Amino acid sequence: MSMNKVPEIKLIALDMDGTLLNDDHIVPDRVRQAIHEAQAKGIHVVLSTGRSLPACEEFAKDLKLTSYLITGNGSEIWHTSGELVERNLIKTALIDMLFKLKHEHGADHWAASVDRVWKNDMPDDLFSKEWLKFGFQIEDDTVRQTLFDVLSKHDELEVTNSSLTNIEVNAAGVNKAVALAKLCSKLHCEMENTLAIGDSLNDMAMIKEAGVGVAMGNAQDALKKEADWVSSSNNEDGVAKAIYRFAIKPMS
């Protein structure tokens, strides 16, 4: 994207942790105001998060969002009315493999089935559930990087992170950018008319493919390198600054 010519923004996709939310896990007042002004202008504001629906729907209600929610890194798309639009499962055999790797590497884990999130716990019969996502929490940098590299070579997996100490795994082809493109076709806008804002590797695909991709000031370096613009941090109203700059008062 040429920074001299900003496309008209019709859809804003916001990551939550480290982006929309500050380190106290609340939406700052200035960010709230920017979202309100964007919606008043007719712009769709979409939460695009690694979180599952129960962990983000209260924020959507509180912000009076009226569009869609991309959850589980794109494993599900919901309308804010509560309607499930799309679901992309990961094979249970892959969840079984990932759970075994968790034990091999002594990692903590969480996993999202369609009905709940499991934290360092799993059902007795993995095959009794339908699965959306698996996550590892690994403090040791070497162990984490080794596992990340191994998983990244698996052609049935989409491997990212949502912080510097975790690994997030979805089915191959499931990411926030693919979900965003689907919403664009539903809402009759082009990807070039989207503003995507994030801070971690699970935001990379949408940052690269959106019309305007913004990395937060606290974003991982790899994301900053790919972004069209780097804003201030999630504790310094970074989302509000990006919304005002590109969606509400864009440069001519």
Protein backbone atom coordinates (compact mmCIF):
# COMPACT_ATOMS: atom_id res chain seq x y z
CA MET A 1 0.00 0.00 0.00
CA SER A 2 1.24 3.48 -0.84
CA MET A 3 1.04 5.58 2.32
CA ASN A 4 0.18 8.55 0.11
CA LYS A 5 -3.10 7.03 -1.02
CA VAL A 6 -5.14 5.34 1.68
CA PRO A 7 -8.06 3.23 0.41
CA GLU A 8 -11.53 3.98 1.75
CA ILE A 9 -11.88 1.81 4.85
CA LYS A 10 -15.17 -0.08 5.08
CA LEU A 11 -14.17 -2.79 7.58
CA ILE A 12 -11.85 -2.67 10.60
CA ALA A 13 -10.55 -5.98 11.99
CA LEU A 14 -9.22 -5.79 15.54
CA ASP A 15 -7.18 -8.35 17.40
CA MET A 16 -7.99 -8.29 21.13
CA ASP A 17 -5.14 -9.23 23.47
CA GLY A 18 -2.22 -6.84 23.14
CA THR A 19 -4.22 -4.75 20.64
CA LEU A 20 -7.79 -3.70 21.50
CA LEU A 21 -7.23 -4.42 25.20
CA ASN A 22 -4.58 -2.72 27.30
CA ASP A 23 -2.47 -4.69 29.77
CA ASP A 24 -5.30 -4.42 32.32
CA HIS A 25 -7.52 -6.26 29.79
CA ILE A 26 -9.86 -3.32 29.30
CA VAL A 27 -10.74 -1.19 26.27
CA PRO A 28 -9.30 2.31 26.81
CA ASP A 29 -11.79 5.21 26.55
CA ARG A 30 -10.13 6.75 23.50
CA VAL A 31 -10.22 3.41 21.67
CA ARG A 32 -13.88 2.99 22.61
CA GLN A 33 -14.61 6.46 21.19
CA ALA A 34 -12.77 5.73 17.93
CA ILE A 35 -14.75 2.50 17.45
CA HIS A 36 -18.00 4.37 18.14
CA GLU A 37 -17.11 7.03 15.54
CA ALA A 38 -16.12 4.38 12.97
CA GLN A 39 -19.43 2.56 13.38
CA ALA A 40 -21.33 5.86 13.18
CA LYS A 41 -19.61 6.40 9.84
CA GLY A 42 -20.97 3.05 8.60
CA ILE A 43 -17.71 1.12 8.95
CA HIS A 44 -17.97 -2.53 10.05
CA VAL A 45 -15.90 -3.16 13.19
CA VAL A 46 -15.00 -6.83 13.62
CA LEU A 47 -13.19 -8.49 16.51
CA SER A 48 -10.64 -10.90 15.01
CA THR A 49 -9.18 -12.93 17.83
CA GLY A 50 -7.62 -16.18 18.94
CA ARG A 51 -10.16 -16.23 21.76
CA SER A 52 -13.25 -18.40 21.60
CA LEU A 53 -16.71 -16.83 21.51
CA PRO A 54 -17.44 -16.87 25.29
CA ALA A 55 -14.18 -14.96 25.92
CA CYS A 56 -15.01 -12.14 23.52
CA GLU A 57 -18.80 -11.75 23.17
CA GLU A 58 -19.13 -9.56 26.28
CA PHE A 59 -16.60 -7.12 24.81
CA ALA A 60 -18.56 -7.05 21.55
CA LYS A 61 -21.78 -6.30 23.45
CA ASP A 62 -20.11 -3.66 25.60
CA LEU A 63 -18.73 -1.91 22.49
CA LYS A 64 -22.17 -2.22 20.79
CA LEU A 65 -20.61 -3.95 17.79
CA THR A 66 -23.17 -4.92 15.17
CA SER A 67 -21.11 -6.84 12.60
CA TYR A 68 -19.22 -10.12 12.84
CA LEU A 69 -16.73 -11.84 15.15
CA ILE A 70 -13.79 -13.92 13.93
CA THR A 71 -12.88 -16.28 16.79
CA GLY A 72 -10.30 -19.00 17.38
CA ASN A 73 -7.98 -17.45 14.74
CA GLY A 74 -10.67 -17.96 12.10
CA SER A 75 -11.86 -21.40 13.18
CA GLU A 76 -15.28 -19.81 13.69
CA ILE A 77 -17.12 -16.79 12.31
CA TRP A 78 -20.11 -15.51 14.29
CA HIS A 79 -22.55 -12.70 13.79
CA THR A 80 -22.89 -10.46 16.84
CA SER A 81 -26.54 -11.60 17.00
CA GLY A 82 -25.20 -15.01 18.08
CA GLU A 83 -25.61 -16.79 14.73
CA LEU A 84 -22.79 -19.18 13.77
CA VAL A 85 -21.75 -18.35 10.21
CA GLU A 86 -18.90 -20.82 9.70
CA ARG A 87 -16.91 -23.43 11.61
CA ASN A 88 -13.55 -24.95 10.59
CA LEU A 89 -12.59 -27.98 12.67
CA ILE A 90 -9.16 -29.52 13.17
CA LYS A 91 -9.02 -33.33 12.91
CA THR A 92 -9.18 -35.04 16.29
CA ALA A 93 -6.24 -37.28 15.29
CA LEU A 94 -4.14 -34.09 15.05
CA ILE A 95 -5.35 -32.96 18.50
CA ASP A 96 -4.29 -36.37 19.82
CA MET A 97 -0.82 -35.92 18.27
CA LEU A 98 -0.49 -32.40 19.70
CA PHE A 99 -1.57 -33.57 23.17
CA LYS A 100 1.14 -36.26 23.06
CA LEU A 101 3.71 -33.63 22.03
CA LYS A 102 2.67 -31.51 25.01
CA HIS A 103 3.66 -34.39 27.31
CA GLU A 104 6.90 -35.05 25.43
CA HIS A 105 7.99 -31.43 25.79
CA GLY A 106 6.63 -30.86 29.31
CA ALA A 107 4.49 -27.97 28.09
CA ASP A 108 1.34 -26.45 29.47
CA HIS A 109 -1.55 -26.42 27.02
CA TRP A 110 -5.06 -25.24 26.28
CA ALA A 111 -7.43 -26.56 23.65
CA ALA A 112 -10.75 -25.32 22.31
CA SER A 113 -13.51 -27.77 21.52
CA VAL A 114 -16.75 -26.36 20.14
CA ASP A 115 -18.33 -26.40 23.60
CA ARG A 116 -15.53 -25.22 25.92
CA VAL A 117 -11.85 -24.39 26.44
CA TRP A 118 -9.73 -27.01 28.19
CA LYS A 119 -6.75 -25.72 30.19
CA ASN A 120 -4.14 -28.32 31.19
CA ASP A 121 -6.99 -30.81 31.12
CA MET A 122 -8.64 -32.89 28.41
CA PRO A 123 -11.72 -35.13 28.12
CA ASP A 124 -11.12 -38.86 28.64
CA ASP A 125 -12.15 -39.49 25.04
CA LEU A 126 -10.75 -36.85 22.68
CA PHE A 127 -12.87 -38.29 19.87
CA SER A 128 -16.08 -37.47 21.77
CA LYS A 129 -15.48 -33.77 20.96
CA GLU A 130 -15.15 -31.56 17.90
CA TRP A 131 -11.98 -29.41 18.03
CA LEU A 132 -11.13 -25.90 16.84
CA LYS A 133 -7.65 -25.09 18.12
CA PHE A 134 -4.73 -26.28 20.29
CA GLY A 135 -2.23 -24.10 22.14
CA PHE A 136 1.10 -24.70 23.89
CA GLN A 137 2.53 -22.47 26.62
CA ILE A 138 6.32 -22.99 26.77
CA GLU A 139 8.65 -20.71 28.72
CA ASP A 140 11.89 -22.29 27.42
CA ASP A 141 12.83 -20.47 24.19
CA THR A 142 14.78 -23.40 22.70
CA VAL A 143 12.08 -25.98 23.37
CA ARG A 144 9.40 -23.66 22.03
CA GLN A 145 11.32 -22.82 18.85
CA THR A 146 12.13 -26.50 18.21
CA LEU A 147 8.46 -27.45 18.52
CA PHE A 148 7.35 -24.44 16.44
CA ASP A 149 9.71 -25.47 13.62
CA VAL A 150 8.55 -29.11 13.69
CA LEU A 151 4.85 -28.18 13.65
CA SER A 152 5.35 -25.55 10.93
CA LYS A 153 6.51 -28.30 8.53
CA HIS A 154 3.26 -30.27 9.00
CA ASP A 155 1.05 -29.66 5.98
CA GLU A 156 -2.22 -30.17 7.88
CA LEU A 157 -1.47 -27.45 10.44
CA GLU A 158 -1.55 -23.64 10.56
CA VAL A 159 0.99 -22.63 13.21
CA THR A 160 1.19 -19.16 14.78
CA ASN A 161 1.36 -17.56 18.21
CA SER A 162 -0.51 -14.96 20.24
CA SER A 163 2.40 -14.15 22.56
CA LEU A 164 6.16 -14.70 22.62
CA THR A 165 5.80 -17.74 24.91
CA ASN A 166 3.05 -19.70 23.18
CA ILE A 167 2.26 -21.65 20.01
CA GLU A 168 -1.23 -21.72 18.50
CA VAL A 169 -2.31 -24.47 16.11
CA ASN A 170 -5.31 -24.53 13.77
CA ALA A 171 -6.18 -26.66 10.76
CA ALA A 172 -4.17 -25.69 7.66
CA GLY A 173 -5.77 -22.83 5.77
CA VAL A 174 -7.55 -21.50 8.85
CA ASN A 175 -6.39 -18.00 9.74
CA LYS A 176 -7.72 -14.51 10.33
CA ALA A 177 -7.01 -13.38 6.74
CA VAL A 178 -9.07 -16.17 5.17
CA ALA A 179 -11.95 -15.36 7.54
CA LEU A 180 -11.62 -11.65 6.78
CA ALA A 181 -11.82 -12.31 3.03
CA LYS A 182 -15.02 -14.31 3.60
CA LEU A 183 -16.53 -11.40 5.51
CA CYS A 184 -15.55 -9.02 2.73
CA SER A 185 -17.50 -11.08 0.21
CA LYS A 186 -20.48 -11.21 2.60
CA LEU A 187 -20.36 -7.44 3.18
CA HIS A 188 -19.67 -6.58 -0.49
CA CYS A 189 -16.34 -4.89 0.09
CA GLU A 190 -12.83 -5.65 -1.11
CA MET A 191 -9.84 -6.66 1.01
CA GLU A 192 -8.23 -3.37 -0.02
CA ASN A 193 -11.00 -1.60 1.93
CA THR A 194 -10.02 -3.26 5.21
CA LEU A 195 -7.90 -2.00 8.09
CA ALA A 196 -6.41 -4.81 10.21
CA ILE A 197 -4.63 -4.17 13.51
CA GLY A 198 -2.70 -6.71 15.58
CA ASP A 199 0.40 -7.59 17.58
CA SER A 200 1.29 -11.29 17.13
CA LEU A 201 1.98 -13.98 14.53
CA ASN A 202 -1.69 -15.02 14.45
CA ASP A 203 -2.32 -11.52 13.02
CA MET A 204 0.37 -11.82 10.33
CA ALA A 205 -1.81 -13.13 7.50
CA MET A 206 -4.48 -10.46 7.95
CA ILE A 207 -1.88 -7.69 8.38
CA LYS A 208 -0.29 -8.69 5.07
CA GLU A 209 -3.54 -9.13 3.14
CA ALA A 210 -5.62 -6.23 4.44
CA GLY A 211 -5.69 -2.97 2.50
CA VAL A 212 -3.97 -1.34 5.47
CA GLY A 213 -2.10 -3.56 7.94
CA VAL A 214 -1.12 -1.92 11.24
CA ALA A 215 1.16 -3.40 13.88
CA MET A 216 0.88 -2.18 17.45
CA GLY A 217 3.88 -0.50 19.09
CA ASN A 218 4.11 -3.56 21.36
CA ALA A 219 3.88 -5.99 18.40
CA GLN A 220 6.38 -8.74 17.69
CA ASP A 221 9.20 -7.53 15.43
CA ALA A 222 8.24 -9.90 12.59
CA LEU A 223 4.80 -8.27 12.42
CA LYS A 224 6.21 -4.74 12.48
CA LYS A 225 8.37 -5.60 9.46
CA GLU A 226 5.33 -6.64 7.41
CA ALA A 227 2.95 -3.87 8.51
CA ASP A 228 2.14 -0.77 6.45
CA TRP A 229 2.35 1.31 9.62
CA VAL A 230 3.34 0.86 13.26
CA SER A 231 1.12 2.55 15.84
CA SER A 232 1.76 3.14 19.53
CA SER A 233 1.25 0.38 22.10
CA ASN A 234 -1.95 -1.10 23.49
CA ASN A 235 -1.37 1.01 26.63
CA GLU A 236 -1.08 4.20 24.54
CA ASP A 237 -4.34 4.10 22.53
CA GLY A 238 -2.60 2.51 19.54
CA VAL A 239 -5.87 1.22 18.05
CA ALA A 240 -7.52 4.65 18.30
CA LYS A 241 -4.55 6.32 16.56
CA ALA A 242 -4.75 3.84 13.66
CA ILE A 243 -8.54 4.18 13.31
CA TYR A 244 -8.38 7.99 13.24
CA ARG A 245 -5.42 8.02 10.85
CA PHE A 246 -6.74 5.55 8.27
CA ALA A 247 -10.51 5.25 8.69
CA ILE A 248 -11.93 8.46 10.14
CA LYS A 249 -9.53 11.20 9.03
CA PRO A 250 -7.46 9.58 6.29
CA MET A 251 -4.70 11.41 4.50
CA SER A 252 -5.81 12.54 1.05
